[in-house]
Amino acid sequence: MASYVFGRRPDGIHVIDMDKTWQKIVLAARMIAAIENPADIAVVCSRPYGQRATLKFCRYIGATAIAGRYVPGTFTNRINPPLPWSPRMIICNDSREDKQAVLESAYANIPVSLSLTPTLLS
């Protein structure tokens, strides 16, 4: 995250470098646009404040929303799958809260996971 900080104001608030942030936003938009069928994109959000935005985002692009509690095994349980398909991309709202979804995407060989917040997995 330090590479995205442009500077620090006298009152202690960090100023974000918008050029680097814009480059990453464009990269994420290209990755999303590269998926032929938008329904193959799963958007995961377990935080209460991000669920409304997740549902609206999925409605506008045609992706599948997993808002609310993430059920473990959603991407890896093939005996009784909660989803009838395997997503090609996962977009997480918060990688710390949605850690299980990110781990399962690695187990299921889902090649791309995006995180919309700069939190790290421990």
C-alpha atoms as a PDB file:
ATOM      1  CA  MET A   1       0.000   0.000   0.000  1.00  0.00           C
ATOM      2  CA  ALA A   2       2.945   2.331   0.581  1.00  0.00           C
ATOM      3  CA  SER A   3       3.629   2.549  -3.152  1.00  0.00           C
ATOM      4  CA  TYR A   4       0.179   4.123  -3.680  1.00  0.00           C
ATOM      5  CA  VAL A   5       0.724   6.899  -1.129  1.00  0.00           C
ATOM      6  CA  PHE A   6       1.704  10.180  -2.764  1.00  0.00           C
ATOM      7  CA  GLY A   7       2.441  12.046   0.428  1.00  0.00           C
ATOM      8  CA  ARG A   8       1.240  12.967   3.846  1.00  0.00           C
ATOM      9  CA  ARG A   9      -0.604  16.096   4.883  1.00  0.00           C
ATOM     10  CA  PRO A  10       0.450  18.056   7.981  1.00  0.00           C
ATOM     11  CA  ASP A  11      -2.560  16.700   9.879  1.00  0.00           C
ATOM     12  CA  GLY A  12      -1.383  13.107   9.288  1.00  0.00           C
ATOM     13  CA  ILE A  13      -3.749  12.035   6.501  1.00  0.00           C
ATOM     14  CA  HIS A  14      -2.118  10.162   3.625  1.00  0.00           C
ATOM     15  CA  VAL A  15      -2.746  11.389   0.079  1.00  0.00           C
ATOM     16  CA  ILE A  16      -3.266   8.637  -2.501  1.00  0.00           C
ATOM     17  CA  ASP A  17      -1.401   8.740  -5.819  1.00  0.00           C
ATOM     18  CA  MET A  18      -4.262   8.847  -8.317  1.00  0.00           C
ATOM     19  CA  ASP A  19      -2.101   7.973 -11.342  1.00  0.00           C
ATOM     20  CA  LYS A  20      -1.098   4.591  -9.936  1.00  0.00           C
ATOM     21  CA  THR A  21      -4.614   3.961  -8.635  1.00  0.00           C
ATOM     22  CA  TRP A  22      -6.108   4.782 -12.034  1.00  0.00           C
ATOM     23  CA  GLN A  23      -3.708   2.355 -13.752  1.00  0.00           C
ATOM     24  CA  LYS A  24      -4.891  -0.459 -11.473  1.00  0.00           C
ATOM     25  CA  ILE A  25      -8.546   0.446 -12.035  1.00  0.00           C
ATOM     26  CA  VAL A  26      -8.017   0.284 -15.808  1.00  0.00           C
ATOM     27  CA  LEU A  27      -6.237  -3.069 -15.430  1.00  0.00           C
ATOM     28  CA  ALA A  28      -9.150  -4.441 -13.390  1.00  0.00           C
ATOM     29  CA  ALA A  29     -11.650  -3.167 -15.970  1.00  0.00           C
ATOM     30  CA  ARG A  30      -9.723  -4.911 -18.751  1.00  0.00           C
ATOM     31  CA  MET A  31      -9.694  -8.154 -16.785  1.00  0.00           C
ATOM     32  CA  ILE A  32     -13.436  -7.971 -16.240  1.00  0.00           C
ATOM     33  CA  ALA A  33     -14.079  -7.110 -19.899  1.00  0.00           C
ATOM     34  CA  ALA A  34     -11.973 -10.076 -21.035  1.00  0.00           C
ATOM     35  CA  ILE A  35     -14.535 -12.538 -19.650  1.00  0.00           C
ATOM     36  CA  GLU A  36     -16.932 -13.399 -22.490  1.00  0.00           C
ATOM     37  CA  ASN A  37     -19.910 -14.290 -20.300  1.00  0.00           C
ATOM     38  CA  PRO A  38     -20.377 -11.885 -17.378  1.00  0.00           C
ATOM     39  CA  ALA A  39     -22.367 -14.546 -15.506  1.00  0.00           C
ATOM     40  CA  ASP A  40     -19.051 -16.416 -15.064  1.00  0.00           C
ATOM     41  CA  ILE A  41     -17.886 -13.693 -12.671  1.00  0.00           C
ATOM     42  CA  ALA A  42     -18.618 -14.212  -8.973  1.00  0.00           C
ATOM     43  CA  VAL A  43     -18.615 -11.164  -6.718  1.00  0.00           C
ATOM     44  CA  VAL A  44     -18.201 -12.039  -3.034  1.00  0.00           C
ATOM     45  CA  CYS A  45     -18.989  -9.642  -0.205  1.00  0.00           C
ATOM     46  CA  SER A  46     -19.650 -10.541   3.407  1.00  0.00           C
ATOM     47  CA  ARG A  47     -19.469  -7.030   4.864  1.00  0.00           C
ATOM     48  CA  PRO A  48     -22.866  -5.455   5.526  1.00  0.00           C
ATOM     49  CA  TYR A  49     -21.862  -2.088   4.072  1.00  0.00           C
ATOM     50  CA  GLY A  50     -20.660  -3.574   0.785  1.00  0.00           C
ATOM     51  CA  GLN A  51     -23.558  -5.891   0.039  1.00  0.00           C
ATOM     52  CA  ARG A  52     -25.793  -3.277  -1.560  1.00  0.00           C
ATOM     53  CA  ALA A  53     -22.976  -2.105  -3.827  1.00  0.00           C
ATOM     54  CA  THR A  54     -22.202  -5.726  -4.714  1.00  0.00           C
ATOM     55  CA  LEU A  55     -25.797  -6.448  -5.673  1.00  0.00           C
ATOM     56  CA  LYS A  56     -26.031  -3.310  -7.811  1.00  0.00           C
ATOM     57  CA  PHE A  57     -22.679  -3.992  -9.500  1.00  0.00           C
ATOM     58  CA  CYS A  58     -23.772  -7.536 -10.340  1.00  0.00           C
ATOM     59  CA  ARG A  59     -27.124  -6.365 -11.620  1.00  0.00           C
ATOM     60  CA  TYR A  60     -25.519  -3.860 -13.997  1.00  0.00           C
ATOM     61  CA  ILE A  61     -22.797  -6.117 -15.422  1.00  0.00           C
ATOM     62  CA  GLY A  62     -24.713  -9.407 -15.219  1.00  0.00           C
ATOM     63  CA  ALA A  63     -22.386 -11.139 -12.741  1.00  0.00           C
ATOM     64  CA  THR A  64     -23.361 -13.523  -9.960  1.00  0.00           C
ATOM     65  CA  ALA A  65     -23.501 -12.027  -6.470  1.00  0.00           C
ATOM     66  CA  ILE A  66     -22.597 -13.910  -3.314  1.00  0.00           C
ATOM     67  CA  ALA A  67     -23.605 -11.291  -0.754  1.00  0.00           C
ATOM     68  CA  GLY A  68     -23.940 -12.048   2.915  1.00  0.00           C
ATOM     69  CA  ARG A  69     -22.444 -15.052   4.620  1.00  0.00           C
ATOM     70  CA  TYR A  70     -20.097 -17.022   2.391  1.00  0.00           C
ATOM     71  CA  VAL A  71     -20.808 -20.743   2.654  1.00  0.00           C
ATOM     72  CA  PRO A  72     -17.508 -22.659   2.836  1.00  0.00           C
ATOM     73  CA  GLY A  73     -17.194 -25.136   0.008  1.00  0.00           C
ATOM     74  CA  THR A  74     -19.059 -23.009  -2.513  1.00  0.00           C
ATOM     75  CA  PHE A  75     -16.262 -23.292  -5.079  1.00  0.00           C
ATOM     76  CA  THR A  76     -14.703 -26.611  -4.032  1.00  0.00           C
ATOM     77  CA  ASN A  77     -17.583 -28.926  -3.047  1.00  0.00           C
ATOM     78  CA  ARG A  78     -18.448 -30.892  -6.175  1.00  0.00           C
ATOM     79  CA  ILE A  79     -20.710 -33.471  -4.490  1.00  0.00           C
ATOM     80  CA  ASN A  80     -23.390 -30.985  -3.501  1.00  0.00           C
ATOM     81  CA  PRO A  81     -22.406 -27.704  -5.129  1.00  0.00           C
ATOM     82  CA  PRO A  82     -24.215 -24.567  -4.030  1.00  0.00           C
ATOM     83  CA  LEU A  83     -23.440 -23.100  -7.462  1.00  0.00           C
ATOM     84  CA  PRO A  84     -24.255 -25.031 -10.653  1.00  0.00           C
ATOM     85  CA  TRP A  85     -21.205 -23.543 -12.413  1.00  0.00           C
ATOM     86  CA  SER A  86     -17.578 -22.850 -11.857  1.00  0.00           C
ATOM     87  CA  PRO A  87     -16.717 -19.142 -12.017  1.00  0.00           C
ATOM     88  CA  ARG A  88     -13.871 -17.867 -14.165  1.00  0.00           C
ATOM     89  CA  MET A  89     -13.162 -14.842 -11.974  1.00  0.00           C
ATOM     90  CA  ILE A  90     -13.804 -13.861  -8.390  1.00  0.00           C
ATOM     91  CA  ILE A  91     -14.040 -10.267  -7.239  1.00  0.00           C
ATOM     92  CA  CYS A  92     -13.781  -9.808  -3.471  1.00  0.00           C
ATOM     93  CA  ASN A  93     -14.881  -6.721  -1.639  1.00  0.00           C
ATOM     94  CA  ASP A  94     -12.521  -7.285   1.280  1.00  0.00           C
ATOM     95  CA  SER A  95      -9.846  -9.964   1.172  1.00  0.00           C
ATOM     96  CA  ARG A  96      -9.650 -10.141   4.965  1.00  0.00           C
ATOM     97  CA  GLU A  97     -13.362 -10.781   5.448  1.00  0.00           C
ATOM     98  CA  ASP A  98     -13.659 -13.009   2.366  1.00  0.00           C
ATOM     99  CA  LYS A  99     -10.502 -14.996   3.080  1.00  0.00           C
ATOM    100  CA  GLN A 100     -12.272 -18.345   2.646  1.00  0.00           C
ATOM    101  CA  ALA A 101     -13.467 -17.420  -0.852  1.00  0.00           C
ATOM    102  CA  VAL A 102      -9.953 -16.382  -1.879  1.00  0.00           C
ATOM    103  CA  LEU A 103      -8.475 -19.617  -0.519  1.00  0.00           C
ATOM    104  CA  GLU A 104     -11.088 -21.739  -2.254  1.00  0.00           C
ATOM    105  CA  SER A 105     -10.480 -19.952  -5.539  1.00  0.00           C
ATOM    106  CA  ALA A 106      -6.840 -21.045  -5.265  1.00  0.00           C
ATOM    107  CA  TYR A 107      -7.886 -24.638  -4.494  1.00  0.00           C
ATOM    108  CA  ALA A 108     -10.343 -24.700  -7.404  1.00  0.00           C
ATOM    109  CA  ASN A 109      -7.780 -23.224  -9.842  1.00  0.00           C
ATOM    110  CA  ILE A 110      -9.850 -20.147 -10.537  1.00  0.00           C
ATOM    111  CA  PRO A 111      -7.109 -18.063 -12.132  1.00  0.00           C
ATOM    112  CA  VAL A 112      -8.000 -14.511 -11.141  1.00  0.00           C
ATOM    113  CA  SER A 113      -9.050 -12.988  -7.840  1.00  0.00           C
ATOM    114  CA  LEU A 114      -9.444  -9.265  -7.452  1.00  0.00           C
ATOM    115  CA  SER A 115      -9.715  -7.478  -4.157  1.00  0.00           C
ATOM    116  CA  LEU A 116     -11.233  -4.041  -3.953  1.00  0.00           C
ATOM    117  CA  THR A 117      -9.560  -3.123  -0.669  1.00  0.00           C
ATOM    118  CA  PRO A 118      -5.850  -3.022   0.110  1.00  0.00           C
ATOM    119  CA  THR A 119      -5.968  -5.427   3.039  1.00  0.00           C
ATOM    120  CA  LEU A 120      -3.525  -8.306   3.116  1.00  0.00           C
ATOM    121  CA  LEU A 121      -4.121 -11.963   3.859  1.00  0.00           C
ATOM    122  CA  SER A 122      -2.232 -13.227   6.871  1.00  0.00           C
END
